[in-house]
Amino acid sequence: MEPLQRKPKPHPRAWARASKAFHAQNAQELSADWLGRFEELLAFRQRKGTFAVPPHTELRRWTQLQRQQHAAH
């Protein structure tokens, strides 16, 4: 039996680069409000190291809506 090999970890900022690249391609379809919330979410992730936004905040409501819309499509 072969020992398990660990996968290399992605670069710590890879998620941000991928997110921004995706949204830059689709920016004309996104509103200024949506882009503002997304930037707020990225800033939160940079400060706290997680996307787990505290409950009872506007950012939390927005992220829940985005997750619901994503799950529906």
N, C-alpha and C. Protein backbone atom coordinates (compact mmCIF):
# COMPACT_ATOMS: atom_id res chain seq x y z
N MET A 1 0.84 -1.18 0.00
CA MET A 1 0.00 0.00 0.00
C MET A 1 0.89 1.25 0.00
N GLU A 2 0.59 2.17 -0.91
CA GLU A 2 1.38 3.40 -1.02
C GLU A 2 0.94 4.41 0.03
N PRO A 3 1.89 5.16 0.58
CA PRO A 3 1.51 6.20 1.53
C PRO A 3 0.76 7.32 0.81
N LEU A 4 -0.14 7.94 1.53
CA LEU A 4 -0.90 9.07 0.97
C LEU A 4 0.03 10.25 0.76
N GLN A 5 -0.13 10.90 -0.36
CA GLN A 5 0.67 12.09 -0.64
C GLN A 5 -0.23 13.31 -0.49
N ARG A 6 0.31 14.29 0.16
CA ARG A 6 -0.45 15.52 0.35
C ARG A 6 -0.41 16.36 -0.92
N LYS A 7 -1.55 16.97 -1.19
CA LYS A 7 -1.61 17.90 -2.31
C LYS A 7 -0.97 19.21 -1.87
N PRO A 8 -0.28 19.88 -2.78
CA PRO A 8 0.29 21.17 -2.39
C PRO A 8 -0.83 22.17 -2.11
N LYS A 9 -0.61 22.98 -1.11
CA LYS A 9 -1.61 24.00 -0.76
C LYS A 9 -1.58 25.11 -1.81
N PRO A 10 -2.77 25.63 -2.16
CA PRO A 10 -2.79 26.75 -3.10
C PRO A 10 -2.21 28.00 -2.45
N HIS A 11 -1.79 28.91 -3.28
CA HIS A 11 -1.28 30.19 -2.79
C HIS A 11 -2.37 30.84 -1.93
N PRO A 12 -2.02 31.47 -0.80
CA PRO A 12 -3.03 32.06 0.10
C PRO A 12 -3.96 33.08 -0.57
N ARG A 13 -3.50 33.73 -1.61
CA ARG A 13 -4.33 34.73 -2.27
C ARG A 13 -4.97 34.20 -3.55
N ALA A 14 -4.84 32.90 -3.80
CA ALA A 14 -5.38 32.32 -5.04
C ALA A 14 -6.89 32.54 -5.13
N TRP A 15 -7.61 32.40 -4.03
CA TRP A 15 -9.07 32.57 -4.04
C TRP A 15 -9.45 33.98 -4.47
N ALA A 16 -8.70 34.98 -3.98
CA ALA A 16 -9.01 36.37 -4.32
C ALA A 16 -8.73 36.63 -5.79
N ARG A 17 -7.61 36.10 -6.28
CA ARG A 17 -7.29 36.30 -7.69
C ARG A 17 -8.34 35.65 -8.58
N ALA A 18 -8.73 34.43 -8.24
CA ALA A 18 -9.73 33.72 -9.03
C ALA A 18 -11.07 34.45 -8.99
N SER A 19 -11.46 34.92 -7.82
CA SER A 19 -12.73 35.64 -7.67
C SER A 19 -12.73 36.91 -8.49
N LYS A 20 -11.66 37.69 -8.35
CA LYS A 20 -11.60 38.95 -9.07
C LYS A 20 -11.54 38.72 -10.58
N ALA A 21 -10.81 37.69 -11.01
CA ALA A 21 -10.72 37.40 -12.44
C ALA A 21 -12.10 37.04 -12.99
N PHE A 22 -12.82 36.19 -12.27
CA PHE A 22 -14.15 35.79 -12.71
C PHE A 22 -15.07 37.00 -12.79
N HIS A 23 -15.08 37.81 -11.74
CA HIS A 23 -16.00 38.93 -11.69
C HIS A 23 -15.58 40.06 -12.64
N ALA A 24 -14.30 40.16 -12.93
CA ALA A 24 -13.87 41.16 -13.91
C ALA A 24 -14.42 40.82 -15.29
N GLN A 25 -14.48 39.54 -15.60
CA GLN A 25 -15.04 39.12 -16.89
C GLN A 25 -16.52 39.43 -16.97
N ASN A 26 -17.21 39.39 -15.85
CA ASN A 26 -18.66 39.59 -15.82
C ASN A 26 -19.06 40.93 -15.22
N ALA A 27 -18.13 41.85 -15.10
CA ALA A 27 -18.38 43.11 -14.39
C ALA A 27 -19.50 43.93 -15.01
N GLN A 28 -19.64 43.90 -16.33
CA GLN A 28 -20.69 44.70 -16.93
C GLN A 28 -22.07 44.21 -16.53
N GLU A 29 -22.19 42.96 -16.08
CA GLU A 29 -23.48 42.42 -15.67
C GLU A 29 -23.78 42.70 -14.19
N LEU A 30 -22.77 43.14 -13.46
CA LEU A 30 -22.92 43.33 -12.02
C LEU A 30 -23.13 44.80 -11.69
N SER A 31 -23.99 45.04 -10.71
CA SER A 31 -24.25 46.42 -10.31
C SER A 31 -23.13 46.95 -9.42
N ALA A 32 -23.08 48.24 -9.30
CA ALA A 32 -22.08 48.87 -8.43
C ALA A 32 -22.29 48.45 -6.99
N ASP A 33 -23.56 48.28 -6.59
CA ASP A 33 -23.86 47.84 -5.23
C ASP A 33 -23.31 46.43 -4.98
N TRP A 34 -23.51 45.53 -5.95
CA TRP A 34 -23.02 44.16 -5.82
C TRP A 34 -21.50 44.14 -5.70
N LEU A 35 -20.84 44.90 -6.56
CA LEU A 35 -19.37 44.96 -6.53
C LEU A 35 -18.88 45.54 -5.21
N GLY A 36 -19.60 46.53 -4.68
CA GLY A 36 -19.23 47.10 -3.39
C GLY A 36 -19.33 46.09 -2.26
N ARG A 37 -20.41 45.31 -2.26
CA ARG A 37 -20.56 44.26 -1.23
C ARG A 37 -19.49 43.19 -1.38
N PHE A 38 -19.17 42.83 -2.63
CA PHE A 38 -18.15 41.82 -2.86
C PHE A 38 -16.80 42.30 -2.35
N GLU A 39 -16.46 43.56 -2.61
CA GLU A 39 -15.21 44.12 -2.09
C GLU A 39 -15.22 44.12 -0.56
N GLU A 40 -16.37 44.44 0.02
CA GLU A 40 -16.51 44.41 1.48
C GLU A 40 -16.26 43.00 2.01
N LEU A 41 -16.80 42.00 1.31
CA LEU A 41 -16.59 40.61 1.72
C LEU A 41 -15.12 40.21 1.61
N LEU A 42 -14.46 40.62 0.53
CA LEU A 42 -13.04 40.31 0.38
C LEU A 42 -12.20 40.99 1.47
N ALA A 43 -12.56 42.22 1.81
CA ALA A 43 -11.84 42.92 2.87
C ALA A 43 -12.05 42.22 4.21
N PHE A 44 -13.27 41.76 4.46
CA PHE A 44 -13.56 41.02 5.69
C PHE A 44 -12.72 39.74 5.74
N ARG A 45 -12.66 39.02 4.62
CA ARG A 45 -11.88 37.78 4.55
C ARG A 45 -10.40 38.04 4.81
N GLN A 46 -9.91 39.15 4.29
CA GLN A 46 -8.50 39.49 4.50
C GLN A 46 -8.23 39.80 5.97
N ARG A 47 -9.14 40.51 6.63
CA ARG A 47 -8.96 40.87 8.04
C ARG A 47 -9.12 39.68 8.96
N LYS A 48 -10.18 38.87 8.73
CA LYS A 48 -10.54 37.82 9.67
C LYS A 48 -10.06 36.43 9.27
N GLY A 49 -9.74 36.25 7.98
CA GLY A 49 -9.27 34.94 7.52
C GLY A 49 -10.40 33.95 7.25
N THR A 50 -11.63 34.43 7.19
CA THR A 50 -12.77 33.55 6.97
C THR A 50 -13.88 34.31 6.26
N PHE A 51 -14.75 33.54 5.61
CA PHE A 51 -15.94 34.14 5.00
C PHE A 51 -17.14 34.04 5.94
N ALA A 52 -16.94 33.54 7.14
CA ALA A 52 -18.03 33.40 8.12
C ALA A 52 -18.35 34.78 8.72
N VAL A 53 -19.23 35.48 8.07
CA VAL A 53 -19.60 36.83 8.48
C VAL A 53 -20.51 36.75 9.71
N PRO A 54 -20.34 37.66 10.69
CA PRO A 54 -21.17 37.63 11.89
C PRO A 54 -22.66 37.78 11.55
N PRO A 55 -23.51 37.12 12.33
CA PRO A 55 -24.96 37.24 12.09
C PRO A 55 -25.45 38.66 12.35
N HIS A 56 -26.63 38.92 11.82
CA HIS A 56 -27.33 40.19 12.05
C HIS A 56 -26.57 41.39 11.50
N THR A 57 -25.90 41.20 10.37
CA THR A 57 -25.24 42.32 9.70
C THR A 57 -25.73 42.35 8.25
N GLU A 58 -25.60 43.51 7.63
CA GLU A 58 -25.99 43.63 6.22
C GLU A 58 -25.15 42.71 5.34
N LEU A 59 -23.85 42.61 5.66
CA LEU A 59 -22.98 41.74 4.87
C LEU A 59 -23.41 40.29 4.98
N ARG A 60 -23.86 39.86 6.16
CA ARG A 60 -24.32 38.49 6.35
C ARG A 60 -25.58 38.24 5.51
N ARG A 61 -26.50 39.19 5.53
CA ARG A 61 -27.73 39.04 4.73
C ARG A 61 -27.38 38.93 3.25
N TRP A 62 -26.43 39.75 2.81
CA TRP A 62 -26.03 39.73 1.41
C TRP A 62 -25.39 38.39 1.05
N THR A 63 -24.49 37.89 1.90
CA THR A 63 -23.82 36.61 1.60
C THR A 63 -24.83 35.47 1.58
N GLN A 64 -25.80 35.49 2.48
CA GLN A 64 -26.82 34.44 2.48
C GLN A 64 -27.64 34.48 1.19
N LEU A 65 -27.99 35.68 0.74
CA LEU A 65 -28.72 35.82 -0.51
C LEU A 65 -27.90 35.28 -1.69
N GLN A 66 -26.60 35.59 -1.71
CA GLN A 66 -25.74 35.12 -2.80
C GLN A 66 -25.67 33.58 -2.79
N ARG A 67 -25.56 33.00 -1.61
CA ARG A 67 -25.50 31.54 -1.50
C ARG A 67 -26.82 30.90 -1.96
N GLN A 68 -27.94 31.50 -1.59
CA GLN A 68 -29.23 30.98 -2.02
C GLN A 68 -29.38 31.06 -3.53
N GLN A 69 -28.98 32.19 -4.10
CA GLN A 69 -29.08 32.35 -5.55
C GLN A 69 -28.14 31.39 -6.28
N HIS A 70 -26.96 31.18 -5.73
CA HIS A 70 -26.02 30.24 -6.34
C HIS A 70 -26.57 28.80 -6.30
N ALA A 71 -27.16 28.44 -5.18
CA ALA A 71 -27.71 27.09 -5.03
C ALA A 71 -28.88 26.86 -5.97
N ALA A 72 -29.63 27.93 -6.28
CA ALA A 72 -30.79 27.81 -7.16
C ALA A 72 -30.38 27.64 -8.62
N HIS A 73 -29.17 28.00 -8.96
CA HIS A 73 -28.73 27.90 -10.37
C HIS A 73 -27.75 26.83 -10.46
